[in-house]
Amino acid sequence: MNNQQSSVDSAFFGSLKNSIWLIGTSSWLFGITDRSIASLADGKLSALDLVQILTASLFFVGWLFLKPVSRA
């Protein structure tokens, strides 16, 4: 009984981790896209805008490396 419960818990938490990662990935993509559109809307790209976009992109790449691994 205990072994079956641990298997169910493991599957649940694995699914939860993947779901959180997917929500985070879509949030980062939305944020980078939104920041890029806002920065380019006035026709000029300032140094501050470029730093914000590059920083968000760097954090997004870091988030991609945090993808949970599936254990079979």
C-alpha atoms as a PDB file:
ATOM      1  CA  MET A   1       0.000   0.000   0.000  1.00  0.00           C
ATOM      2  CA  ASN A   2       2.773   2.430   0.940  1.00  0.00           C
ATOM      3  CA  ASN A   3       4.690   1.720  -2.278  1.00  0.00           C
ATOM      4  CA  GLN A   4       1.590   2.402  -4.387  1.00  0.00           C
ATOM      5  CA  GLN A   5       0.935   5.679  -2.545  1.00  0.00           C
ATOM      6  CA  SER A   6       4.512   6.833  -3.122  1.00  0.00           C
ATOM      7  CA  SER A   7       4.154   6.026  -6.825  1.00  0.00           C
ATOM      8  CA  VAL A   8       0.985   8.133  -7.050  1.00  0.00           C
ATOM      9  CA  ASP A   9       2.648  10.992  -5.154  1.00  0.00           C
ATOM     10  CA  SER A  10       5.673  10.846  -7.434  1.00  0.00           C
ATOM     11  CA  ALA A  11       3.500  10.972 -10.557  1.00  0.00           C
ATOM     12  CA  PHE A  12       1.474  13.876  -9.150  1.00  0.00           C
ATOM     13  CA  PHE A  13       4.502  15.958  -8.216  1.00  0.00           C
ATOM     14  CA  GLY A  14       6.169  15.207 -11.547  1.00  0.00           C
ATOM     15  CA  SER A  15       3.077  16.426 -13.364  1.00  0.00           C
ATOM     16  CA  LEU A  16       2.903  19.494 -11.106  1.00  0.00           C
ATOM     17  CA  LYS A  17       6.543  20.388 -11.812  1.00  0.00           C
ATOM     18  CA  ASN A  18       6.014  20.082 -15.558  1.00  0.00           C
ATOM     19  CA  SER A  19       2.872  22.216 -15.399  1.00  0.00           C
ATOM     20  CA  ILE A  20       4.616  24.959 -13.430  1.00  0.00           C
ATOM     21  CA  TRP A  21       7.522  24.902 -15.884  1.00  0.00           C
ATOM     22  CA  LEU A  22       5.177  25.220 -18.878  1.00  0.00           C
ATOM     23  CA  ILE A  23       3.278  28.118 -17.287  1.00  0.00           C
ATOM     24  CA  GLY A  24       6.588  29.826 -16.517  1.00  0.00           C
ATOM     25  CA  THR A  25       7.834  29.315 -20.066  1.00  0.00           C
ATOM     26  CA  SER A  26       4.726  30.856 -21.589  1.00  0.00           C
ATOM     27  CA  SER A  27       4.914  33.735 -19.094  1.00  0.00           C
ATOM     28  CA  TRP A  28       8.530  34.474 -19.990  1.00  0.00           C
ATOM     29  CA  LEU A  29       7.727  34.403 -23.707  1.00  0.00           C
ATOM     30  CA  PHE A  30       4.786  36.752 -23.184  1.00  0.00           C
ATOM     31  CA  GLY A  31       6.929  39.100 -21.094  1.00  0.00           C
ATOM     32  CA  ILE A  32       9.745  39.257 -23.634  1.00  0.00           C
ATOM     33  CA  THR A  33       7.292  39.793 -26.494  1.00  0.00           C
ATOM     34  CA  ASP A  34       5.417  42.488 -24.577  1.00  0.00           C
ATOM     35  CA  ARG A  35       8.633  44.289 -23.635  1.00  0.00           C
ATOM     36  CA  SER A  36       9.892  44.131 -27.228  1.00  0.00           C
ATOM     37  CA  ILE A  37       6.660  45.529 -28.658  1.00  0.00           C
ATOM     38  CA  ALA A  38       6.567  48.287 -26.044  1.00  0.00           C
ATOM     39  CA  SER A  39      10.193  49.186 -26.721  1.00  0.00           C
ATOM     40  CA  LEU A  40       9.763  49.350 -30.482  1.00  0.00           C
ATOM     41  CA  ALA A  41       6.377  51.103 -30.438  1.00  0.00           C
ATOM     42  CA  ASP A  42       7.873  54.589 -30.404  1.00  0.00           C
ATOM     43  CA  GLY A  43      10.305  53.812 -33.222  1.00  0.00           C
ATOM     44  CA  LYS A  44      13.433  54.176 -31.102  1.00  0.00           C
ATOM     45  CA  LEU A  45      15.328  51.553 -29.119  1.00  0.00           C
ATOM     46  CA  SER A  46      17.094  53.112 -26.148  1.00  0.00           C
ATOM     47  CA  ALA A  47      19.912  51.537 -24.175  1.00  0.00           C
ATOM     48  CA  LEU A  48      17.589  50.944 -21.230  1.00  0.00           C
ATOM     49  CA  ASP A  49      15.085  49.130 -23.440  1.00  0.00           C
ATOM     50  CA  LEU A  50      17.835  46.946 -24.844  1.00  0.00           C
ATOM     51  CA  VAL A  51      19.117  46.102 -21.352  1.00  0.00           C
ATOM     52  CA  GLN A  52      15.599  45.155 -20.218  1.00  0.00           C
ATOM     53  CA  ILE A  53      15.037  42.874 -23.205  1.00  0.00           C
ATOM     54  CA  LEU A  54      18.446  41.224 -22.859  1.00  0.00           C
ATOM     55  CA  THR A  55      17.965  40.710 -19.107  1.00  0.00           C
ATOM     56  CA  ALA A  56      14.555  39.112 -19.624  1.00  0.00           C
ATOM     57  CA  SER A  57      16.019  36.906 -22.363  1.00  0.00           C
ATOM     58  CA  LEU A  58      18.856  35.817 -20.078  1.00  0.00           C
ATOM     59  CA  PHE A  59      16.404  34.858 -17.321  1.00  0.00           C
ATOM     60  CA  PHE A  60      14.288  32.998 -19.885  1.00  0.00           C
ATOM     61  CA  VAL A  61      17.286  30.934 -21.004  1.00  0.00           C
ATOM     62  CA  GLY A  62      18.003  30.185 -17.347  1.00  0.00           C
ATOM     63  CA  TRP A  63      14.390  29.083 -16.909  1.00  0.00           C
ATOM     64  CA  LEU A  64      14.747  26.714 -19.871  1.00  0.00           C
ATOM     65  CA  PHE A  65      17.659  25.009 -18.112  1.00  0.00           C
ATOM     66  CA  LEU A  66      15.410  24.369 -15.096  1.00  0.00           C
ATOM     67  CA  LYS A  67      13.163  21.995 -17.062  1.00  0.00           C
ATOM     68  CA  PRO A  68      12.247  19.058 -14.846  1.00  0.00           C
ATOM     69  CA  VAL A  69      13.556  15.676 -15.939  1.00  0.00           C
ATOM     70  CA  SER A  70      11.226  12.707 -16.085  1.00  0.00           C
ATOM     71  CA  ARG A  71      12.268   9.667 -14.111  1.00  0.00           C
ATOM     72  CA  ALA A  72      10.982   6.396 -15.435  1.00  0.00           C
END
